[in-house]
Amino acid sequence: MKVSSPVGDFPFEPQRLRVGPGHLTLEGQVGAWPARVELEPRDLITLARIAGARAALPVLAAVALFTGLRRWSNRAG
């Protein structure tokens, strides 16, 4: 993956995916810096709206995965 910014393009190296209450957190490195991306269910809806109809199936799959991970996390914790 790559992150583009005004100061340049940097590789993003994912290291961990964590399930929290109401969100997924992707932790990794952007260049030399630690980075974190948090996704909430509404973010998936926003991404689907931006991508249009062709994203409907992947977004539904992501929502199902997110919901399943959240339920699993609640049972395990």
PDB file of N, CA and C in Angstrom:
ATOM      1  N   MET A   1       0.842  -1.169   0.000  1.00  0.00           N
ATOM      2  CA  MET A   1       0.000   0.000   0.000  1.00  0.00           C
ATOM      3  C   MET A   1       0.887   1.230   0.000  1.00  0.00           C
ATOM      4  N   LYS A   2       0.294   2.320  -0.444  1.00  0.00           N
ATOM      5  CA  LYS A   2       1.048   3.558  -0.511  1.00  0.00           C
ATOM      6  C   LYS A   2       0.194   4.703   0.024  1.00  0.00           C
ATOM      7  N   VAL A   3       0.839   5.596   0.772  1.00  0.00           N
ATOM      8  CA  VAL A   3       0.192   6.806   1.261  1.00  0.00           C
ATOM      9  C   VAL A   3       0.840   7.977   0.546  1.00  0.00           C
ATOM     10  N   SER A   4       0.015   8.779  -0.109  1.00  0.00           N
ATOM     11  CA  SER A   4       0.512   9.975  -0.792  1.00  0.00           C
ATOM     12  C   SER A   4       0.184  11.194   0.048  1.00  0.00           C
ATOM     13  N   SER A   5       1.137  12.101   0.151  1.00  0.00           N
ATOM     14  CA  SER A   5       0.929  13.326   0.918  1.00  0.00           C
ATOM     15  C   SER A   5       1.688  14.461   0.238  1.00  0.00           C
ATOM     16  N   PRO A   6       1.478  15.684   0.687  1.00  0.00           N
ATOM     17  CA  PRO A   6       2.205  16.805   0.087  1.00  0.00           C
ATOM     18  C   PRO A   6       3.726  16.692   0.222  1.00  0.00           C
ATOM     19  N   VAL A   7       4.194  15.909   1.191  1.00  0.00           N
ATOM     20  CA  VAL A   7       5.639  15.782   1.377  1.00  0.00           C
ATOM     21  C   VAL A   7       6.224  14.544   0.713  1.00  0.00           C
ATOM     22  N   GLY A   8       5.380  13.785   0.005  1.00  0.00           N
ATOM     23  CA  GLY A   8       5.891  12.626  -0.726  1.00  0.00           C
ATOM     24  C   GLY A   8       4.996  11.412  -0.626  1.00  0.00           C
ATOM     25  N   ASP A   9       5.434  10.351  -1.282  1.00  0.00           N
ATOM     26  CA  ASP A   9       4.744   9.066  -1.263  1.00  0.00           C
ATOM     27  C   ASP A   9       5.507   8.122  -0.353  1.00  0.00           C
ATOM     28  N   PHE A  10       4.775   7.445   0.522  1.00  0.00           N
ATOM     29  CA  PHE A  10       5.407   6.558   1.486  1.00  0.00           C
ATOM     30  C   PHE A  10       4.714   5.201   1.472  1.00  0.00           C
ATOM     31  N   PRO A  11       5.467   4.121   1.663  1.00  0.00           N
ATOM     32  CA  PRO A  11       4.837   2.808   1.751  1.00  0.00           C
ATOM     33  C   PRO A  11       4.120   2.672   3.091  1.00  0.00           C
ATOM     34  N   PHE A  12       2.964   2.029   3.072  1.00  0.00           N
ATOM     35  CA  PHE A  12       2.267   1.684   4.309  1.00  0.00           C
ATOM     36  C   PHE A  12       2.404   0.193   4.498  1.00  0.00           C
ATOM     37  N   GLU A  13       2.978  -0.196   5.610  1.00  0.00           N
ATOM     38  CA  GLU A  13       3.202  -1.606   5.920  1.00  0.00           C
ATOM     39  C   GLU A  13       2.268  -2.017   7.055  1.00  0.00           C
ATOM     40  N   PRO A  14       1.151  -2.705   6.739  1.00  0.00           N
ATOM     41  CA  PRO A  14       0.239  -3.121   7.810  1.00  0.00           C
ATOM     42  C   PRO A  14       0.902  -4.156   8.714  1.00  0.00           C
ATOM     43  N   GLN A  15       0.645  -4.032  10.027  1.00  0.00           N
ATOM     44  CA  GLN A  15       1.240  -4.953  10.984  1.00  0.00           C
ATOM     45  C   GLN A  15       0.212  -5.664  11.854  1.00  0.00           C
ATOM     46  N   ARG A  16      -0.908  -4.991  12.176  1.00  0.00           N
ATOM     47  CA  ARG A  16      -1.906  -5.560  13.072  1.00  0.00           C
ATOM     48  C   ARG A  16      -3.297  -5.069  12.695  1.00  0.00           C
ATOM     49  N   LEU A  17      -4.276  -5.940  12.872  1.00  0.00           N
ATOM     50  CA  LEU A  17      -5.674  -5.562  12.727  1.00  0.00           C
ATOM     51  C   LEU A  17      -6.348  -5.879  14.045  1.00  0.00           C
ATOM     52  N   ARG A  18      -6.898  -4.866  14.682  1.00  0.00           N
ATOM     53  CA  ARG A  18      -7.536  -5.049  15.987  1.00  0.00           C
ATOM     54  C   ARG A  18      -9.026  -4.721  15.879  1.00  0.00           C
ATOM     55  N   VAL A  19      -9.818  -5.483  16.621  1.00  0.00           N
ATOM     56  CA  VAL A  19     -11.250  -5.240  16.684  1.00  0.00           C
ATOM     57  C   VAL A  19     -11.535  -4.570  18.009  1.00  0.00           C
ATOM     58  N   GLY A  20     -12.094  -3.370  17.942  1.00  0.00           N
ATOM     59  CA  GLY A  20     -12.456  -2.649  19.163  1.00  0.00           C
ATOM     60  C   GLY A  20     -13.961  -2.479  19.228  1.00  0.00           C
ATOM     61  N   PRO A  21     -14.433  -1.873  20.278  1.00  0.00           N
ATOM     62  CA  PRO A  21     -15.882  -1.649  20.384  1.00  0.00           C
ATOM     63  C   PRO A  21     -16.337  -0.616  19.350  1.00  0.00           C
ATOM     64  N   GLY A  22     -16.980  -1.087  18.302  1.00  0.00           N
ATOM     65  CA  GLY A  22     -17.516  -0.187  17.285  1.00  0.00           C
ATOM     66  C   GLY A  22     -16.555   0.233  16.197  1.00  0.00           C
ATOM     67  N   HIS A  23     -15.373  -0.364  16.152  1.00  0.00           N
ATOM     68  CA  HIS A  23     -14.436   0.010  15.087  1.00  0.00           C
ATOM     69  C   HIS A  23     -13.380  -1.074  14.868  1.00  0.00           C
ATOM     70  N   LEU A  24     -12.780  -1.017  13.690  1.00  0.00           N
ATOM     71  CA  LEU A  24     -11.603  -1.826  13.376  1.00  0.00           C
ATOM     72  C   LEU A  24     -10.413  -0.886  13.344  1.00  0.00           C
ATOM     73  N   THR A  25      -9.281  -1.319  13.852  1.00  0.00           N
ATOM     74  CA  THR A  25      -8.072  -0.506  13.819  1.00  0.00           C
ATOM     75  C   THR A  25      -6.992  -1.262  13.070  1.00  0.00           C
ATOM     76  N   LEU A  26      -6.479  -0.635  12.022  1.00  0.00           N
ATOM     77  CA  LEU A  26      -5.367  -1.172  11.254  1.00  0.00           C
ATOM     78  C   LEU A  26      -4.129  -0.406  11.680  1.00  0.00           C
ATOM     79  N   GLU A  27      -3.165  -1.111  12.273  1.00  0.00           N
ATOM     80  CA  GLU A  27      -1.930  -0.484  12.734  1.00  0.00           C
ATOM     81  C   GLU A  27      -0.796  -0.893  11.815  1.00  0.00           C
ATOM     82  N   GLY A  28       0.134   0.028  11.605  1.00  0.00           N
ATOM     83  CA  GLY A  28       1.265  -0.266  10.752  1.00  0.00           C
ATOM     84  C   GLY A  28       2.284   0.852  10.761  1.00  0.00           C
ATOM     85  N   GLN A  29       3.070   0.902   9.705  1.00  0.00           N
ATOM     86  CA  GLN A  29       4.130   1.899   9.549  1.00  0.00           C
ATOM     87  C   GLN A  29       3.938   2.627   8.227  1.00  0.00           C
ATOM     88  N   VAL A  30       4.063   3.936   8.260  1.00  0.00           N
ATOM     89  CA  VAL A  30       4.127   4.741   7.039  1.00  0.00           C
ATOM     90  C   VAL A  30       5.549   5.289   7.010  1.00  0.00           C
ATOM     91  N   GLY A  31       6.348   4.718   6.127  1.00  0.00           N
ATOM     92  CA  GLY A  31       7.765   5.083   6.134  1.00  0.00           C
ATOM     93  C   GLY A  31       8.360   4.693   7.476  1.00  0.00           C
ATOM     94  N   ALA A  32       8.919   5.669   8.175  1.00  0.00           N
ATOM     95  CA  ALA A  32       9.544   5.410   9.467  1.00  0.00           C
ATOM     96  C   ALA A  32       8.598   5.648  10.647  1.00  0.00           C
ATOM     97  N   TRP A  33       7.362   6.095  10.374  1.00  0.00           N
ATOM     98  CA  TRP A  33       6.453   6.495  11.433  1.00  0.00           C
ATOM     99  C   TRP A  33       5.353   5.475  11.680  1.00  0.00           C
ATOM    100  N   PRO A  34       5.012   5.261  12.956  1.00  0.00           N
ATOM    101  CA  PRO A  34       3.869   4.403  13.250  1.00  0.00           C
ATOM    102  C   PRO A  34       2.591   5.091  12.768  1.00  0.00           C
ATOM    103  N   ALA A  35       1.638   4.300  12.307  1.00  0.00           N
ATOM    104  CA  ALA A  35       0.379   4.851  11.805  1.00  0.00           C
ATOM    105  C   ALA A  35      -0.778   3.962  12.240  1.00  0.00           C
ATOM    106  N   ARG A  36      -1.960   4.589  12.317  1.00  0.00           N
ATOM    107  CA  ARG A  36      -3.154   3.855  12.717  1.00  0.00           C
ATOM    108  C   ARG A  36      -4.326   4.374  11.897  1.00  0.00           C
ATOM    109  N   VAL A  37      -5.127   3.446  11.383  1.00  0.00           N
ATOM    110  CA  VAL A  37      -6.346   3.786  10.654  1.00  0.00           C
ATOM    111  C   VAL A  37      -7.501   3.127  11.392  1.00  0.00           C
ATOM    112  N   GLU A  38      -8.490   3.929  11.774  1.00  0.00           N
ATOM    113  CA  GLU A  38      -9.666   3.384  12.456  1.00  0.00           C
ATOM    114  C   GLU A  38     -10.867   3.485  11.535  1.00  0.00           C
ATOM    115  N   LEU A  39     -11.565   2.368  11.366  1.00  0.00           N
ATOM    116  CA  LEU A  39     -12.760   2.306  10.524  1.00  0.00           C
ATOM    117  C   LEU A  39     -13.969   1.993  11.376  1.00  0.00           C
ATOM    118  N   GLU A  40     -15.005   2.800  11.220  1.00  0.00           N
ATOM    119  CA  GLU A  40     -16.285   2.561  11.869  1.00  0.00           C
ATOM    120  C   GLU A  40     -17.273   2.116  10.806  1.00  0.00           C
ATOM    121  N   PRO A  41     -18.388   1.495  11.196  1.00  0.00           N
ATOM    122  CA  PRO A  41     -19.365   1.045  10.198  1.00  0.00           C
ATOM    123  C   PRO A  41     -19.800   2.150   9.240  1.00  0.00           C
ATOM    124  N   ARG A  42     -19.962   3.369   9.731  1.00  0.00           N
ATOM    125  CA  ARG A  42     -20.397   4.454   8.844  1.00  0.00           C
ATOM    126  C   ARG A  42     -19.346   4.779   7.785  1.00  0.00           C
ATOM    127  N   ASP A  43     -18.071   4.487   8.067  1.00  0.00           N
ATOM    128  CA  ASP A  43     -17.023   4.718   7.074  1.00  0.00           C
ATOM    129  C   ASP A  43     -17.216   3.813   5.865  1.00  0.00           C
ATOM    130  N   LEU A  44     -17.660   2.590   6.095  1.00  0.00           N
ATOM    131  CA  LEU A  44     -17.900   1.667   4.984  1.00  0.00           C
ATOM    132  C   LEU A  44     -19.040   2.166   4.102  1.00  0.00           C
ATOM    133  N   ILE A  45     -20.057   2.748   4.734  1.00  0.00           N
ATOM    134  CA  ILE A  45     -21.174   3.300   3.971  1.00  0.00           C
ATOM    135  C   ILE A  45     -20.701   4.491   3.139  1.00  0.00           C
ATOM    136  N   THR A  46     -19.875   5.331   3.714  1.00  0.00           N
ATOM    137  CA  THR A  46     -19.327   6.475   2.982  1.00  0.00           C
ATOM    138  C   THR A  46     -18.489   6.009   1.802  1.00  0.00           C
ATOM    139  N   LEU A  47     -17.658   5.002   2.006  1.00  0.00           N
ATOM    140  CA  LEU A  47     -16.840   4.462   0.912  1.00  0.00           C
ATOM    141  C   LEU A  47     -17.714   3.893  -0.195  1.00  0.00           C
ATOM    142  N   ALA A  48     -18.802   3.234   0.177  1.00  0.00           N
ATOM    143  CA  ALA A  48     -19.716   2.676  -0.830  1.00  0.00           C
ATOM    144  C   ALA A  48     -20.360   3.788  -1.640  1.00  0.00           C
ATOM    145  N   ARG A  49     -20.746   4.850  -0.978  1.00  0.00           N
ATOM    146  CA  ARG A  49     -21.365   5.978  -1.675  1.00  0.00           C
ATOM    147  C   ARG A  49     -20.388   6.610  -2.664  1.00  0.00           C
ATOM    148  N   ILE A  50     -19.147   6.743  -2.264  1.00  0.00           N
ATOM    149  CA  ILE A  50     -18.123   7.330  -3.140  1.00  0.00           C
ATOM    150  C   ILE A  50     -17.862   6.427  -4.338  1.00  0.00           C
ATOM    151  N   ALA A  51     -17.774   5.121  -4.099  1.00  0.00           N
ATOM    152  CA  ALA A  51     -17.432   4.171  -5.168  1.00  0.00           C
ATOM    153  C   ALA A  51     -18.607   3.882  -6.098  1.00  0.00           C
ATOM    154  N   GLY A  52     -19.822   4.081  -5.614  1.00  0.00           N
ATOM    155  CA  GLY A  52     -20.989   3.834  -6.454  1.00  0.00           C
ATOM    156  C   GLY A  52     -21.446   2.384  -6.385  1.00  0.00           C
ATOM    157  N   ALA A  53     -22.319   2.022  -7.301  1.00  0.00           N
ATOM    158  CA  ALA A  53     -22.969   0.712  -7.290  1.00  0.00           C
ATOM    159  C   ALA A  53     -21.991  -0.446  -7.429  1.00  0.00           C
ATOM    160  N   ARG A  54     -20.900  -0.249  -8.151  1.00  0.00           N
ATOM    161  CA  ARG A  54     -19.971  -1.372  -8.364  1.00  0.00           C
ATOM    162  C   ARG A  54     -19.333  -1.859  -7.066  1.00  0.00           C
ATOM    163  N   ALA A  55     -19.435  -1.058  -6.007  1.00  0.00           N
ATOM    164  CA  ALA A  55     -18.838  -1.446  -4.728  1.00  0.00           C
ATOM    165  C   ALA A  55     -19.828  -2.114  -3.791  1.00  0.00           C
ATOM    166  N   ALA A  56     -21.060  -2.283  -4.209  1.00  0.00           N
ATOM    167  CA  ALA A  56     -22.085  -2.787  -3.304  1.00  0.00           C
ATOM    168  C   ALA A  56     -21.718  -4.139  -2.696  1.00  0.00           C
ATOM    169  N   LEU A  57     -21.308  -5.089  -3.501  1.00  0.00           N
ATOM    170  CA  LEU A  57     -20.999  -6.415  -2.981  1.00  0.00           C
ATOM    171  C   LEU A  57     -19.789  -6.401  -2.042  1.00  0.00           C
ATOM    172  N   PRO A  58     -18.666  -5.783  -2.421  1.00  0.00           N
ATOM    173  CA  PRO A  58     -17.538  -5.751  -1.474  1.00  0.00           C
ATOM    174  C   PRO A  58     -17.869  -5.028  -0.173  1.00  0.00           C
ATOM    175  N   VAL A  59     -18.674  -3.974  -0.255  1.00  0.00           N
ATOM    176  CA  VAL A  59     -19.023  -3.244   0.968  1.00  0.00           C
ATOM    177  C   VAL A  59     -19.936  -4.084   1.851  1.00  0.00           C
ATOM    178  N   LEU A  60     -20.893  -4.758   1.252  1.00  0.00           N
ATOM    179  CA  LEU A  60     -21.749  -5.647   2.045  1.00  0.00           C
ATOM    180  C   LEU A  60     -20.926  -6.743   2.708  1.00  0.00           C
ATOM    181  N   ALA A  61     -19.949  -7.273   1.989  1.00  0.00           N
ATOM    182  CA  ALA A  61     -19.064  -8.296   2.564  1.00  0.00           C
ATOM    183  C   ALA A  61     -18.253  -7.712   3.722  1.00  0.00           C
ATOM    184  N   ALA A  62     -17.759  -6.482   3.557  1.00  0.00           N
ATOM    185  CA  ALA A  62     -16.984  -5.840   4.621  1.00  0.00           C
ATOM    186  C   ALA A  62     -17.844  -5.577   5.850  1.00  0.00           C
ATOM    187  N   VAL A  63     -19.080  -5.137   5.640  1.00  0.00           N
ATOM    188  CA  VAL A  63     -19.989  -4.908   6.766  1.00  0.00           C
ATOM    189  C   VAL A  63     -20.264  -6.219   7.492  1.00  0.00           C
ATOM    190  N   ALA A  64     -20.491  -7.283   6.737  1.00  0.00           N
ATOM    191  CA  ALA A  64     -20.728  -8.594   7.348  1.00  0.00           C
ATOM    192  C   ALA A  64     -19.508  -9.048   8.145  1.00  0.00           C
ATOM    193  N   LEU A  65     -18.321  -8.851   7.590  1.00  0.00           N
ATOM    194  CA  LEU A  65     -17.086  -9.213   8.284  1.00  0.00           C
ATOM    195  C   LEU A  65     -16.928  -8.390   9.559  1.00  0.00           C
ATOM    196  N   PHE A  66     -17.144  -7.084   9.443  1.00  0.00           N
ATOM    197  CA  PHE A  66     -17.019  -6.186  10.586  1.00  0.00           C
ATOM    198  C   PHE A  66     -17.980  -6.605  11.698  1.00  0.00           C
ATOM    199  N   THR A  67     -19.225  -6.885  11.334  1.00  0.00           N
ATOM    200  CA  THR A  67     -20.237  -7.293  12.306  1.00  0.00           C
ATOM    201  C   THR A  67     -19.844  -8.616  12.970  1.00  0.00           C
ATOM    202  N   GLY A  68     -19.379  -9.564  12.161  1.00  0.00           N
ATOM    203  CA  GLY A  68     -18.953 -10.847  12.705  1.00  0.00           C
ATOM    204  C   GLY A  68     -17.770 -10.715  13.645  1.00  0.00           C
ATOM    205  N   LEU A  69     -16.794  -9.894  13.274  1.00  0.00           N
ATOM    206  CA  LEU A  69     -15.629  -9.679  14.139  1.00  0.00           C
ATOM    207  C   LEU A  69     -16.030  -9.003  15.442  1.00  0.00           C
ATOM    208  N   ARG A  70     -16.963  -8.066  15.351  1.00  0.00           N
ATOM    209  CA  ARG A  70     -17.411  -7.378  16.565  1.00  0.00           C
ATOM    210  C   ARG A  70     -18.125  -8.340  17.504  1.00  0.00           C
ATOM    211  N   ARG A  71     -18.973  -9.194  16.939  1.00  0.00           N
ATOM    212  CA  ARG A  71     -19.670 -10.174  17.786  1.00  0.00           C
ATOM    213  C   ARG A  71     -18.685 -11.161  18.393  1.00  0.00           C
ATOM    214  N   TRP A  72     -17.723 -11.604  17.584  1.00  0.00           N
ATOM    215  CA  TRP A  72     -16.694 -12.535  18.084  1.00  0.00           C
ATOM    216  C   TRP A  72     -15.892 -11.888  19.192  1.00  0.00           C
ATOM    217  N   SER A  73     -15.539 -10.607  19.011  1.00  0.00           N
ATOM    218  CA  SER A  73     -14.761  -9.888  20.011  1.00  0.00           C
ATOM    219  C   SER A  73     -15.547  -9.749  21.318  1.00  0.00           C
ATOM    220  N   ASN A  74     -16.841  -9.486  21.208  1.00  0.00           N
ATOM    221  CA  ASN A  74     -17.665  -9.356  22.408  1.00  0.00           C
ATOM    222  C   ASN A  74     -17.756 -10.679  23.171  1.00  0.00           C
ATOM    223  N   ARG A  75     -17.819 -11.794  22.457  1.00  0.00           N
ATOM    224  CA  ARG A  75     -17.866 -13.106  23.118  1.00  0.00           C
ATOM    225  C   ARG A  75     -16.541 -13.475  23.750  1.00  0.00           C
ATOM    226  N   ALA A  76     -15.437 -13.133  23.046  1.00  0.00           N
ATOM    227  CA  ALA A  76     -14.104 -13.498  23.534  1.00  0.00           C
ATOM    228  C   ALA A  76     -13.670 -12.634  24.712  1.00  0.00           C
ATOM    229  N   GLY A  77     -14.168 -11.397  24.770  1.00  0.00           N
ATOM    230  CA  GLY A  77     -13.713 -10.460  25.799  1.00  0.00           C
ATOM    231  C   GLY A  77     -14.561 -10.498  26.978  1.00  0.00           C
TER     232      GLY A  77
END
